[in-house]
Protein backbone atom coordinates (compact mmCIF):
# COMPACT_ATOMS: atom_id res chain seq x y z
CA UNK A 1 -22.14 131.39 230.39
CA UNK A 2 -23.08 128.07 228.76
CA UNK A 3 -24.59 125.39 230.99
CA UNK A 4 -22.40 122.26 231.02
CA UNK A 5 -23.65 119.07 229.39
CA UNK A 6 -22.17 116.72 232.02
CA UNK A 7 -23.73 118.56 234.97
CA UNK A 8 -27.14 118.99 233.33
CA UNK A 9 -27.18 115.37 232.15
CA UNK A 10 -27.01 114.13 235.75
CA UNK A 11 -29.94 116.38 236.70
CA UNK A 12 -32.01 115.40 233.64
CA UNK A 13 -31.32 111.69 234.15
CA UNK A 14 -32.42 111.92 237.79
CA UNK A 15 -35.60 113.87 236.97
CA UNK A 16 -36.54 111.96 233.82
CA UNK A 17 -34.99 108.52 233.47
CA UNK A 18 -34.92 106.69 230.14
CA UNK A 19 -38.43 105.72 229.04
CA UNK A 20 -40.09 108.72 230.71
CA UNK A 21 -43.03 109.56 228.39
CA UNK A 22 -43.01 113.28 229.10
CA UNK A 23 -41.85 115.59 226.32
CA UNK A 24 -38.49 117.22 226.95
CA UNK A 25 -38.55 120.94 226.24
CA UNK A 26 -35.71 123.46 226.36
CA UNK A 27 -36.84 127.07 226.46
CA UNK A 28 -34.84 128.93 223.81
CA UNK A 29 -35.31 131.94 221.50
CA UNK A 30 -34.18 129.74 218.61
CA UNK A 31 -36.85 127.11 219.25
CA UNK A 32 -40.11 126.41 217.46
CA UNK A 33 -42.74 128.99 218.40
CA UNK A 34 -45.10 127.99 221.19
CA UNK A 35 -48.67 127.97 219.89
CA UNK A 36 -52.05 127.58 221.54
CA UNK A 37 -52.45 124.23 219.78
CA UNK A 38 -49.17 122.98 221.28
CA UNK A 39 -50.19 124.30 224.71
CA UNK A 40 -53.50 122.42 224.46
CA UNK A 41 -51.68 119.20 223.51
CA UNK A 42 -49.25 119.59 226.43
CA UNK A 43 -52.12 120.29 228.84
CA UNK A 44 -53.74 116.99 227.83
CA UNK A 45 -50.49 115.05 228.17
CA UNK A 46 -48.50 113.53 231.03
CA UNK A 47 -46.61 116.75 231.83
CA UNK A 48 -43.25 117.90 230.53
CA UNK A 49 -39.61 118.12 231.52
CA UNK A 50 -38.61 121.74 231.00
CA UNK A 51 -35.01 122.86 230.82
CA UNK A 52 -34.11 126.53 231.22
CA UNK A 53 -30.83 127.93 229.99
CA UNK A 54 -29.12 130.99 231.37
CA UNK A 55 -27.41 133.79 229.38
CA UNK A 56 -25.72 131.93 226.49
CA UNK A 57 -27.80 128.80 226.92
CA UNK A 58 -27.15 125.07 227.10
CA UNK A 59 -24.38 122.94 225.64
CA UNK A 60 -25.79 121.64 222.35
CA UNK A 61 -24.62 118.11 223.11
CA UNK A 62 -27.05 117.87 226.02
CA UNK A 63 -29.97 119.11 223.89
CA UNK A 64 -29.21 116.51 221.23
CA UNK A 65 -28.08 113.73 223.58
CA UNK A 66 -31.15 113.86 225.80
CA UNK A 67 -33.67 114.56 223.04
CA UNK A 68 -34.80 118.04 224.01
CA UNK A 69 -36.97 120.09 221.69
CA UNK A 70 -36.25 123.81 221.78
CA UNK A 71 -39.36 125.95 222.26
CA UNK A 72 -39.62 129.74 221.97
CA UNK A 73 -42.23 132.09 223.41
CA UNK A 74 -41.36 134.89 220.98
CA UNK A 75 -38.81 136.69 218.89
CA UNK A 76 -36.83 138.25 221.71
CA UNK A 77 -34.14 137.19 224.17
CA UNK A 78 -34.42 136.91 227.95
CA UNK A 79 -31.62 136.42 230.49
CA UNK A 80 -32.79 132.88 231.07
CA UNK A 81 -35.53 130.40 230.27
CA UNK A 82 -37.29 130.58 233.63
CA UNK A 83 -39.78 133.27 232.63
CA UNK A 84 -40.46 131.46 229.37
CA UNK A 85 -41.09 128.26 231.37
CA UNK A 86 -43.57 130.16 233.58
CA UNK A 87 -45.36 131.36 230.45
CA UNK A 88 -45.58 127.79 229.17
CA UNK A 89 -46.79 126.48 232.54
CA UNK A 90 -49.42 129.19 232.96
CA UNK A 91 -50.74 128.62 229.45
CA UNK A 92 -51.05 124.87 230.13
CA UNK A 93 -52.41 124.98 233.68
CA UNK A 94 -55.29 127.29 232.79
CA UNK A 95 -56.52 124.62 230.34
CA UNK A 96 -56.71 121.89 232.98
CA UNK A 97 -60.27 120.91 233.95
CA UNK A 98 -61.67 123.05 236.75
CA UNK A 99 -58.98 125.74 236.67
CA UNK A 100 -61.04 128.38 234.81
CA UNK A 101 -64.40 127.46 236.33
CA UNK A 102 -66.69 126.98 233.36
CA UNK A 103 -65.26 124.54 230.84
CA UNK A 104 -66.29 126.85 227.97
CA UNK A 105 -64.25 129.77 229.37
CA UNK A 106 -61.30 129.13 227.05
CA UNK A 107 -63.32 128.28 223.95
CA UNK A 108 -63.53 131.80 222.51
CA UNK A 109 -60.15 133.21 223.53
CA UNK A 110 -57.46 134.45 221.20
CA UNK A 111 -55.97 131.69 219.04
CA UNK A 112 -58.61 129.12 220.02
CA UNK A 113 -60.12 129.35 216.53
CA UNK A 114 -57.18 130.88 214.69
CA UNK A 115 -58.30 134.44 215.44
CA UNK A 116 -57.60 137.04 218.09
CA UNK A 117 -60.33 137.46 220.68
CA UNK A 118 -63.08 140.04 220.24
CA UNK A 119 -63.13 143.13 222.53
CA UNK A 120 -64.53 142.78 226.06
CA UNK A 121 -66.82 145.25 227.85
CA UNK A 122 -68.33 145.59 231.33
CA UNK A 123 -70.14 148.21 233.41
CA UNK A 124 -70.71 151.12 233.40
CA UNK A 125 -72.80 151.33 230.21
CA UNK A 126 -71.16 154.67 229.34
CA UNK A 127 -67.58 155.49 230.35
CA UNK A 128 -65.91 158.80 229.42
CA UNK A 129 -68.35 159.16 226.55
CA UNK A 130 -67.62 155.66 225.23
CA UNK A 131 -70.65 153.37 225.21
CA UNK A 132 -70.76 149.60 225.13
CA UNK A 133 -71.73 148.61 221.57
CA UNK A 134 -75.53 148.45 221.46
CA UNK A 135 -75.57 144.97 219.93
CA UNK A 136 -73.99 143.56 223.10
CA UNK A 137 -76.88 144.74 225.25
CA UNK A 138 -79.60 143.88 222.73
CA UNK A 139 -80.29 140.40 224.06
CA UNK A 140 -80.12 139.01 220.50
CA UNK A 141 -77.63 136.15 220.91
CA UNK A 142 -77.26 135.55 217.17
CA UNK A 143 -76.37 139.22 216.56
CA UNK A 144 -73.96 139.20 219.51
CA UNK A 145 -72.24 136.10 218.09
CA UNK A 146 -72.03 137.69 214.62
CA UNK A 147 -70.58 140.89 216.12
CA UNK A 148 -67.99 138.93 218.10
CA UNK A 149 -66.96 136.98 215.02
CA UNK A 150 -66.71 140.14 212.89
CA UNK A 151 -64.64 141.92 215.57
CA UNK A 152 -62.32 138.94 215.98
CA UNK A 153 -61.77 138.91 212.22
CA UNK A 154 -61.26 142.69 212.08
CA UNK A 155 -58.71 142.68 214.90
CA UNK A 156 -56.85 139.68 213.51
CA UNK A 157 -56.69 141.19 210.02
CA UNK A 158 -55.39 144.52 211.41
CA UNK A 159 -53.00 143.30 214.10
CA UNK A 160 -51.82 139.85 213.02
CA UNK A 161 -51.70 139.47 209.24
CA UNK A 162 -49.83 136.18 209.71
CA UNK A 163 -52.74 134.69 211.68
CA UNK A 164 -55.26 136.15 209.25
CA UNK A 165 -53.51 134.57 206.27
CA UNK A 166 -53.43 131.16 207.99
CA UNK A 167 -57.07 131.50 209.06
CA UNK A 168 -58.17 132.54 205.56
CA UNK A 169 -56.26 129.66 203.96
CA UNK A 170 -57.82 127.15 206.37
CA UNK A 171 -61.30 128.59 205.75
CA UNK A 172 -60.80 128.39 201.97
CA UNK A 173 -59.65 124.80 202.31
CA UNK A 174 -62.76 123.91 204.35
CA UNK A 175 -65.02 125.75 201.90
CA UNK A 176 -63.56 124.21 198.74
CA UNK A 177 -65.13 120.74 199.13
CA UNK A 178 -68.54 122.31 199.85
CA UNK A 179 -68.54 124.41 196.70
CA UNK A 180 -67.48 121.48 194.53
CA UNK A 181 -70.27 119.18 195.79
CA UNK A 182 -73.31 119.01 193.57
CA UNK A 183 -71.75 120.82 190.62
CA UNK A 184 -71.99 119.09 187.26
CA UNK A 185 -68.97 119.19 184.99
CA UNK A 186 -69.26 121.71 182.18
CA UNK A 187 -69.45 120.37 178.66
CA UNK A 188 -68.50 121.93 175.44
CA UNK A 189 -65.70 123.97 174.42
């Protein structure tokens, strides 16, 4: 089943008349991948108009004619875009001020700095012979931060080589200007 352009156009035009500043998104497995950076931008914006296809999707003329951007939540196919829209909404809403409690709650999560999040632990101290890493209970905040960073890097390298490559390239780019400062050109030959 393909959703008809003429029927959807009437609904879109009623919900988002010409000049509406909200981005128009169509949830689709062929769309651009949804990223945490895009979610953060949407959460700061005026909202969005989200269109969900069903089974075979939406008539292409409507997507083009009403300026929809196709967005994907992953490399798989669902029966419809509704679940993908819920994923998008949940990811955005949790970034709104006051939703997570402390404003810093989302600062160290997966993807916030181009890395997966470090492992989390809670009580009891020892569970089925597995202790909480000693550094986390040491009280040394600098060591805890270093451990978290190292674990985030380890997990990202092991589980998401694509993220690790992008993170490494960005870090190298940031580091390059620092290493070039203060160096005198070599003479001679």
